[in-house]
C-alpha atoms as a PDB file:
ATOM      1  CA  UNK A   1     109.180 103.274  98.261  1.00  0.00           C
ATOM      2  CA  UNK A   2     110.913 105.923 100.414  1.00  0.00           C
ATOM      3  CA  UNK A   3     109.744 109.706 100.078  1.00  0.00           C
ATOM      4  CA  UNK A   4     112.414 112.094  98.898  1.00  0.00           C
ATOM      5  CA  UNK A   5     111.470 114.412 102.002  1.00  0.00           C
ATOM      6  CA  UNK A   6     114.518 116.174 103.340  1.00  0.00           C
ATOM      7  CA  UNK A   7     116.347 113.912 106.202  1.00  0.00           C
ATOM      8  CA  UNK A   8     116.559 115.405 109.546  1.00  0.00           C
ATOM      9  CA  UNK A   9     120.143 116.126 110.613  1.00  0.00           C
ATOM     10  CA  UNK A  10     121.959 113.605 112.629  1.00  0.00           C
ATOM     11  CA  UNK A  11     123.003 115.746 115.466  1.00  0.00           C
ATOM     12  CA  UNK A  12     119.210 115.821 116.366  1.00  0.00           C
ATOM     13  CA  UNK A  13     118.975 112.501 117.655  1.00  0.00           C
ATOM     14  CA  UNK A  14     122.463 112.238 119.467  1.00  0.00           C
ATOM     15  CA  UNK A  15     121.477 115.598 121.440  1.00  0.00           C
ATOM     16  CA  UNK A  16     118.774 113.824 123.133  1.00  0.00           C
ATOM     17  CA  UNK A  17     119.273 112.663 126.909  1.00  0.00           C
ATOM     18  CA  UNK A  18     119.661 109.023 127.139  1.00  0.00           C
ATOM     19  CA  UNK A  19     117.382 107.003 128.678  1.00  0.00           C
ATOM     20  CA  UNK A  20     118.487 104.896 131.974  1.00  0.00           C
ATOM     21  CA  UNK A  21     117.096 102.018 130.498  1.00  0.00           C
ATOM     22  CA  UNK A  22     116.231 101.354 126.801  1.00  0.00           C
ATOM     23  CA  UNK A  23     112.643 101.496 126.097  1.00  0.00           C
ATOM     24  CA  UNK A  24     110.552  99.431 123.927  1.00  0.00           C
ATOM     25  CA  UNK A  25     108.148 101.367 121.558  1.00  0.00           C
ATOM     26  CA  UNK A  26     105.294 100.066 119.382  1.00  0.00           C
ATOM     27  CA  UNK A  27     104.633 101.201 115.990  1.00  0.00           C
ATOM     28  CA  UNK A  28     101.127 100.447 114.381  1.00  0.00           C
ATOM     29  CA  UNK A  29     100.964 101.226 110.992  1.00  0.00           C
ATOM     30  CA  UNK A  30      99.397 100.709 107.616  1.00  0.00           C
ATOM     31  CA  UNK A  31     100.734  98.783 104.425  1.00  0.00           C
ATOM     32  CA  UNK A  32      98.362  99.435 101.751  1.00  0.00           C
ATOM     33  CA  UNK A  33      98.373  99.943  97.579  1.00  0.00           C
ATOM     34  CA  UNK A  34     101.356  98.676  95.888  1.00  0.00           C
ATOM     35  CA  UNK A  35     103.242  97.643  99.061  1.00  0.00           C
ATOM     36  CA  UNK A  36     101.077  94.487  99.435  1.00  0.00           C
ATOM     37  CA  UNK A  37     103.375  92.978  96.958  1.00  0.00           C
ATOM     38  CA  UNK A  38     106.426  93.563  98.800  1.00  0.00           C
ATOM     39  CA  UNK A  39     107.722  90.498 100.790  1.00  0.00           C
ATOM     40  CA  UNK A  40     108.011  90.541 104.781  1.00  0.00           C
ATOM     41  CA  UNK A  41     112.105  90.461 104.402  1.00  0.00           C
ATOM     42  CA  UNK A  42     111.668  93.529 102.279  1.00  0.00           C
ATOM     43  CA  UNK A  43     109.619  95.466 104.873  1.00  0.00           C
ATOM     44  CA  UNK A  44     112.105  94.834 107.453  1.00  0.00           C
ATOM     45  CA  UNK A  45     114.919  96.524 105.212  1.00  0.00           C
ATOM     46  CA  UNK A  46     112.912  99.081 104.116  1.00  0.00           C
ATOM     47  CA  UNK A  47     111.478  99.909 107.820  1.00  0.00           C
ATOM     48  CA  UNK A  48     115.037 100.150 109.216  1.00  0.00           C
ATOM     49  CA  UNK A  49     115.991 102.283 106.559  1.00  0.00           C
ATOM     50  CA  UNK A  50     113.125 104.646 107.261  1.00  0.00           C
ATOM     51  CA  UNK A  51     114.013 104.638 111.183  1.00  0.00           C
ATOM     52  CA  UNK A  52     117.538 105.784 110.149  1.00  0.00           C
ATOM     53  CA  UNK A  53     116.325 108.328 107.600  1.00  0.00           C
ATOM     54  CA  UNK A  54     113.952 109.718 110.439  1.00  0.00           C
ATOM     55  CA  UNK A  55     116.632 109.732 112.848  1.00  0.00           C
ATOM     56  CA  UNK A  56     114.838 107.787 115.606  1.00  0.00           C
ATOM     57  CA  UNK A  57     117.063 106.890 118.499  1.00  0.00           C
ATOM     58  CA  UNK A  58     117.159 103.200 118.272  1.00  0.00           C
ATOM     59  CA  UNK A  59     119.487 101.079 120.662  1.00  0.00           C
ATOM     60  CA  UNK A  60     121.845  98.726 118.974  1.00  0.00           C
ATOM     61  CA  UNK A  61     123.538  95.498 120.750  1.00  0.00           C
ATOM     62  CA  UNK A  62     126.658  95.330 121.539  1.00  0.00           C
ATOM     63  CA  UNK A  63     129.620  93.633 120.050  1.00  0.00           C
ATOM     64  CA  UNK A  64     131.292  92.647 116.854  1.00  0.00           C
ATOM     65  CA  UNK A  65     128.249  93.625 114.552  1.00  0.00           C
ATOM     66  CA  UNK A  66     125.534  95.601 116.657  1.00  0.00           C
ATOM     67  CA  UNK A  67     122.239  95.733 115.168  1.00  0.00           C
ATOM     68  CA  UNK A  68     118.998  97.493 116.108  1.00  0.00           C
ATOM     69  CA  UNK A  69     116.378  95.736 117.946  1.00  0.00           C
ATOM     70  CA  UNK A  70     113.178  95.658 115.532  1.00  0.00           C
ATOM     71  CA  UNK A  71     110.543  92.555 116.197  1.00  0.00           C
ATOM     72  CA  UNK A  72     107.239  92.476 113.675  1.00  0.00           C
ATOM     73  CA  UNK A  73     104.435  91.005 114.915  1.00  0.00           C
ATOM     74  CA  UNK A  74     102.250  88.483 112.514  1.00  0.00           C
ATOM     75  CA  UNK A  75     104.096  88.693 109.242  1.00  0.00           C
ATOM     76  CA  UNK A  76     101.804  89.818 106.242  1.00  0.00           C
ATOM     77  CA  UNK A  77     101.554  87.301 103.250  1.00  0.00           C
ATOM     78  CA  UNK A  78     102.523  88.807  99.831  1.00  0.00           C
ATOM     79  CA  UNK A  79      99.218  90.641  97.981  1.00  0.00           C
ATOM     80  CA  UNK A  80      97.237  91.285 101.760  1.00  0.00           C
ATOM     81  CA  UNK A  81      96.865  94.800 102.738  1.00  0.00           C
ATOM     82  CA  UNK A  82      96.745  95.820 106.630  1.00  0.00           C
ATOM     83  CA  UNK A  83      95.598  98.667 108.611  1.00  0.00           C
ATOM     84  CA  UNK A  84      96.937  97.100 111.494  1.00  0.00           C
ATOM     85  CA  UNK A  85     100.570  96.218 111.226  1.00  0.00           C
ATOM     86  CA  UNK A  86     102.865  96.541 114.218  1.00  0.00           C
ATOM     87  CA  UNK A  87     106.867  96.590 115.265  1.00  0.00           C
ATOM     88  CA  UNK A  88     108.480  96.993 118.231  1.00  0.00           C
ATOM     89  CA  UNK A  89     111.387  98.981 118.425  1.00  0.00           C
ATOM     90  CA  UNK A  90     113.795  99.516 121.259  1.00  0.00           C
ATOM     91  CA  UNK A  91     115.150 103.498 121.850  1.00  0.00           C
ATOM     92  CA  UNK A  92     117.870 104.673 124.117  1.00  0.00           C
ATOM     93  CA  UNK A  93     117.201 108.170 124.006  1.00  0.00           C
ATOM     94  CA  UNK A  94     113.968 110.393 125.439  1.00  0.00           C
ATOM     95  CA  UNK A  95     111.655 111.322 122.265  1.00  0.00           C
ATOM     96  CA  UNK A  96     108.242 111.913 122.620  1.00  0.00           C
ATOM     97  CA  UNK A  97     105.912 109.218 121.272  1.00  0.00           C
ATOM     98  CA  UNK A  98     104.235 111.687 118.748  1.00  0.00           C
ATOM     99  CA  UNK A  99     107.679 113.003 117.498  1.00  0.00           C
ATOM    100  CA  UNK A 100     108.407 109.260 116.573  1.00  0.00           C
ATOM    101  CA  UNK A 101     104.953 109.095 114.827  1.00  0.00           C
ATOM    102  CA  UNK A 102     105.779 112.202 112.774  1.00  0.00           C
ATOM    103  CA  UNK A 103     109.567 111.679 112.171  1.00  0.00           C
ATOM    104  CA  UNK A 104     108.636 108.240 110.611  1.00  0.00           C
ATOM    105  CA  UNK A 105     105.744 109.972 108.581  1.00  0.00           C
ATOM    106  CA  UNK A 106     108.031 112.337 107.104  1.00  0.00           C
ATOM    107  CA  UNK A 107     109.945 109.357 105.512  1.00  0.00           C
ATOM    108  CA  UNK A 108     107.231 107.280 104.230  1.00  0.00           C
ATOM    109  CA  UNK A 109     104.395 107.461 101.517  1.00  0.00           C
ATOM    110  CA  UNK A 110     100.656 107.270 101.471  1.00  0.00           C
ATOM    111  CA  UNK A 111     100.444 103.979 101.146  1.00  0.00           C
ATOM    112  CA  UNK A 112     102.725 103.259 104.642  1.00  0.00           C
ATOM    113  CA  UNK A 113     101.746 105.755 107.359  1.00  0.00           C
ATOM    114  CA  UNK A 114     102.387 105.426 111.069  1.00  0.00           C
ATOM    115  CA  UNK A 115      98.860 105.449 113.105  1.00  0.00           C
ATOM    116  CA  UNK A 116     100.078 105.483 116.390  1.00  0.00           C
ATOM    117  CA  UNK A 117     103.199 105.095 118.776  1.00  0.00           C
ATOM    118  CA  UNK A 118     102.966 103.482 122.330  1.00  0.00           C
ATOM    119  CA  UNK A 119     104.712 101.701 124.735  1.00  0.00           C
ATOM    120  CA  UNK A 120     103.030  97.993 124.717  1.00  0.00           C
ATOM    121  CA  UNK A 121     102.004  96.134 127.700  1.00  0.00           C
ATOM    122  CA  UNK A 122     101.363  92.911 125.347  1.00  0.00           C
ATOM    123  CA  UNK A 123     103.500  90.772 123.440  1.00  0.00           C
ATOM    124  CA  UNK A 124     103.040  89.459 119.999  1.00  0.00           C
ATOM    125  CA  UNK A 125     102.832  85.573 120.870  1.00  0.00           C
ATOM    126  CA  UNK A 126      99.405  86.848 122.266  1.00  0.00           C
ATOM    127  CA  UNK A 127      97.926  87.189 119.127  1.00  0.00           C
ATOM    128  CA  UNK A 128      95.614  84.411 118.199  1.00  0.00           C
ATOM    129  CA  UNK A 129      92.788  85.710 115.398  1.00  0.00           C
ATOM    130  CA  UNK A 130      92.852  88.495 112.812  1.00  0.00           C
ATOM    131  CA  UNK A 131      89.905  90.230 111.130  1.00  0.00           C
ATOM    132  CA  UNK A 132      89.778  90.186 107.215  1.00  0.00           C
ATOM    133  CA  UNK A 133      87.705  91.665 104.555  1.00  0.00           C
ATOM    134  CA  UNK A 134      88.028  90.106 101.134  1.00  0.00           C
ATOM    135  CA  UNK A 135      86.732  91.416  98.120  1.00  0.00           C
ATOM    136  CA  UNK A 136      85.853  89.420  95.220  1.00  0.00           C
ATOM    137  CA  UNK A 137      84.620  91.004  91.682  1.00  0.00           C
ATOM    138  CA  UNK A 138      83.093  89.278  88.724  1.00  0.00           C
ATOM    139  CA  UNK A 139      80.485  90.071  86.510  1.00  0.00           C
ATOM    140  CA  UNK A 140      78.979  86.703  87.180  1.00  0.00           C
ATOM    141  CA  UNK A 141      78.913  87.380  90.798  1.00  0.00           C
ATOM    142  CA  UNK A 142      74.912  88.086  91.905  1.00  0.00           C
ATOM    143  CA  UNK A 143      73.070  88.131  95.448  1.00  0.00           C
ATOM    144  CA  UNK A 144      72.430  84.435  94.972  1.00  0.00           C
ATOM    145  CA  UNK A 145      76.151  84.070  95.676  1.00  0.00           C
ATOM    146  CA  UNK A 146      75.734  84.937  99.036  1.00  0.00           C
ATOM    147  CA  UNK A 147      73.576  81.688  99.849  1.00  0.00           C
ATOM    148  CA  UNK A 148      76.042  79.586  98.085  1.00  0.00           C
ATOM    149  CA  UNK A 149      79.198  80.596  99.364  1.00  0.00           C
ATOM    150  CA  UNK A 150      77.347  80.330 103.178  1.00  0.00           C
ATOM    151  CA  UNK A 151      76.242  76.857 102.273  1.00  0.00           C
ATOM    152  CA  UNK A 152      80.027  76.038 100.863  1.00  0.00           C
ATOM    153  CA  UNK A 153      81.543  77.103 104.366  1.00  0.00           C
ATOM    154  CA  UNK A 154      78.761  75.177 106.496  1.00  0.00           C
ATOM    155  CA  UNK A 155      80.818  71.568 105.610  1.00  0.00           C
ATOM    156  CA  UNK A 156      84.030  70.790 105.951  1.00  0.00           C
ATOM    157  CA  UNK A 157      86.556  72.036 102.988  1.00  0.00           C
ATOM    158  CA  UNK A 158      89.566  69.966 102.966  1.00  0.00           C
ATOM    159  CA  UNK A 159      92.731  71.652 101.199  1.00  0.00           C
ATOM    160  CA  UNK A 160      96.287  70.877 101.130  1.00  0.00           C
ATOM    161  CA  UNK A 161      97.885  73.460 103.687  1.00  0.00           C
ATOM    162  CA  UNK A 162     101.598  74.150 103.813  1.00  0.00           C
ATOM    163  CA  UNK A 163     102.906  74.395 107.581  1.00  0.00           C
ATOM    164  CA  UNK A 164     106.410  74.449 108.730  1.00  0.00           C
ATOM    165  CA  UNK A 165     106.286  70.361 109.182  1.00  0.00           C
ATOM    166  CA  UNK A 166     105.230  70.323 105.541  1.00  0.00           C
ATOM    167  CA  UNK A 167     102.198  70.157 103.590  1.00  0.00           C
ATOM    168  CA  UNK A 168      99.094  67.990 104.627  1.00  0.00           C
ATOM    169  CA  UNK A 169      95.358  67.767 104.366  1.00  0.00           C
ATOM    170  CA  UNK A 170      93.127  70.159 106.778  1.00  0.00           C
ATOM    171  CA  UNK A 171      89.851  71.153 106.805  1.00  0.00           C
ATOM    172  CA  UNK A 172      90.060  75.040 106.709  1.00  0.00           C
ATOM    173  CA  UNK A 173      87.301  75.636 108.784  1.00  0.00           C
ATOM    174  CA  UNK A 174      88.596  74.662 112.000  1.00  0.00           C
ATOM    175  CA  UNK A 175      90.832  77.629 111.840  1.00  0.00           C
ATOM    176  CA  UNK A 176      87.693  80.163 110.899  1.00  0.00           C
ATOM    177  CA  UNK A 177      86.341  81.610 114.057  1.00  0.00           C
ATOM    178  CA  UNK A 178      83.535  83.719 112.290  1.00  0.00           C
ATOM    179  CA  UNK A 179      82.881  84.346 108.481  1.00  0.00           C
ATOM    180  CA  UNK A 180      79.909  86.200 106.894  1.00  0.00           C
ATOM    181  CA  UNK A 181      78.945  87.026 103.279  1.00  0.00           C
ATOM    182  CA  UNK A 182      77.437  89.829 101.255  1.00  0.00           C
ATOM    183  CA  UNK A 183      76.972  89.393  97.445  1.00  0.00           C
ATOM    184  CA  UNK A 184      75.577  92.538  95.685  1.00  0.00           C
ATOM    185  CA  UNK A 185      75.760  92.306  91.625  1.00  0.00           C
ATOM    186  CA  UNK A 186      79.316  91.813  90.462  1.00  0.00           C
ATOM    187  CA  UNK A 187      80.854  92.040  94.191  1.00  0.00           C
ATOM    188  CA  UNK A 188      81.033  89.109  96.815  1.00  0.00           C
ATOM    189  CA  UNK A 189      82.257  90.622 100.558  1.00  0.00           C
ATOM    190  CA  UNK A 190      83.716  88.187 103.023  1.00  0.00           C
ATOM    191  CA  UNK A 191      84.242  89.192 106.598  1.00  0.00           C
ATOM    192  CA  UNK A 192      85.712  86.564 108.447  1.00  0.00           C
ATOM    193  CA  UNK A 193      87.736  86.084 111.679  1.00  0.00           C
ATOM    194  CA  UNK A 194      90.482  83.376 111.077  1.00  0.00           C
ATOM    195  CA  UNK A 195      93.046  81.741 113.355  1.00  0.00           C
ATOM    196  CA  UNK A 196      96.185  83.936 113.334  1.00  0.00           C
ATOM    197  CA  UNK A 197      98.631  82.919 115.940  1.00  0.00           C
ATOM    198  CA  UNK A 198     101.992  81.367 116.052  1.00  0.00           C
ATOM    199  CA  UNK A 199     100.763  77.748 116.001  1.00  0.00           C
ATOM    200  CA  UNK A 200      97.823  77.963 114.084  1.00  0.00           C
ATOM    201  CA  UNK A 201      96.998  80.240 111.173  1.00  0.00           C
ATOM    202  CA  UNK A 202      95.396  80.352 108.163  1.00  0.00           C
ATOM    203  CA  UNK A 203      95.925  82.509 105.061  1.00  0.00           C
ATOM    204  CA  UNK A 204      92.718  84.558 103.681  1.00  0.00           C
ATOM    205  CA  UNK A 205      93.748  83.341 100.475  1.00  0.00           C
ATOM    206  CA  UNK A 206      92.578  79.812 101.069  1.00  0.00           C
ATOM    207  CA  UNK A 207      88.948  81.644 101.409  1.00  0.00           C
ATOM    208  CA  UNK A 208      89.592  82.825  97.484  1.00  0.00           C
ATOM    209  CA  UNK A 209      90.628  79.402  96.460  1.00  0.00           C
ATOM    210  CA  UNK A 210      87.661  77.713  98.033  1.00  0.00           C
ATOM    211  CA  UNK A 211      85.434  79.985  96.527  1.00  0.00           C
ATOM    212  CA  UNK A 212      86.548  79.774  93.615  1.00  0.00           C
ATOM    213  CA  UNK A 213      84.875  76.569  93.265  1.00  0.00           C
ATOM    214  CA  UNK A 214      81.516  78.306  93.146  1.00  0.00           C
ATOM    215  CA  UNK A 215      82.229  79.255  89.233  1.00  0.00           C
ATOM    216  CA  UNK A 216      83.205  82.890  89.967  1.00  0.00           C
ATOM    217  CA  UNK A 217      84.387  83.142  86.272  1.00  0.00           C
ATOM    218  CA  UNK A 218      87.833  83.281  84.844  1.00  0.00           C
ATOM    219  CA  UNK A 219      90.321  85.261  86.834  1.00  0.00           C
ATOM    220  CA  UNK A 220      88.137  86.820  89.293  1.00  0.00           C
ATOM    221  CA  UNK A 221      89.446  90.043  90.900  1.00  0.00           C
ATOM    222  CA  UNK A 222      89.942  90.043  94.531  1.00  0.00           C
ATOM    223  CA  UNK A 223      91.556  92.086  97.251  1.00  0.00           C
ATOM    224  CA  UNK A 224      92.279  91.147 100.864  1.00  0.00           C
ATOM    225  CA  UNK A 225      92.826  93.518 103.844  1.00  0.00           C
ATOM    226  CA  UNK A 226      93.782  92.893 107.426  1.00  0.00           C
ATOM    227  CA  UNK A 227      91.751  95.262 109.793  1.00  0.00           C
ATOM    228  CA  UNK A 228      92.482  93.942 113.308  1.00  0.00           C
ATOM    229  CA  UNK A 229      94.195  91.284 115.261  1.00  0.00           C
ATOM    230  CA  UNK A 230      92.767  89.632 118.333  1.00  0.00           C
ATOM    231  CA  UNK A 231      94.222  87.650 121.509  1.00  0.00           C
ATOM    232  CA  UNK A 232      92.755  84.162 122.488  1.00  0.00           C
ATOM    233  CA  UNK A 233      89.617  85.931 124.157  1.00  0.00           C
ATOM    234  CA  UNK A 234      88.729  87.697 120.982  1.00  0.00           C
ATOM    235  CA  UNK A 235      89.768  90.977 122.450  1.00  0.00           C
ATOM    236  CA  UNK A 236      91.293  93.504 120.079  1.00  0.00           C
ATOM    237  CA  UNK A 237      95.514  93.585 120.715  1.00  0.00           C
ATOM    238  CA  UNK A 238      97.034  96.401 121.085  1.00  0.00           C
END
């Protein structure tokens, strides 16, 4: 996953002047292609290695086992791509946001690229919804599937949903803020805004499971992309 580009000499990081107080920087990045299949835990480990290789001046906790302060927002499910992943990092030395972005991208592949680095004014707990695009491909899909899919989600859809307290039967439409369908021969596109907060969350895989009841054929091919996240007022989260 890591590129083989030359690592910046370590002395460069330690030559930067110290900040009076450690600062939090938010990194917005993509996770696409083959990287959709790595777990959140693997992502955490990999990102930490990238930060070290890029010589980002990370702030470390004090004590017997010092570690960097790195927090990810809204963990991504395996098999889902995203162009709006975010992580908060604490730094303790003066470095420009542009340098943080560029130094990280020098160590990353095309499937994971930093889009922006900035000082956050929001908290990850404020995330309430996420916008997804699901594309399902099958020779059986015709324009009529758009009508069938709309009708399917107009009624309650009871499914077994996993939660921290265990499994329970729920109506997944309660977690759907908005959903639209477009069917062209061979492909059904679903644009949906789903609950994605810390208390209520719907994995877009549930949409695919429900749509398979429309007889899409054996093993339809599908992709899932997370495009944006929002707060409870449906204002894009940054």
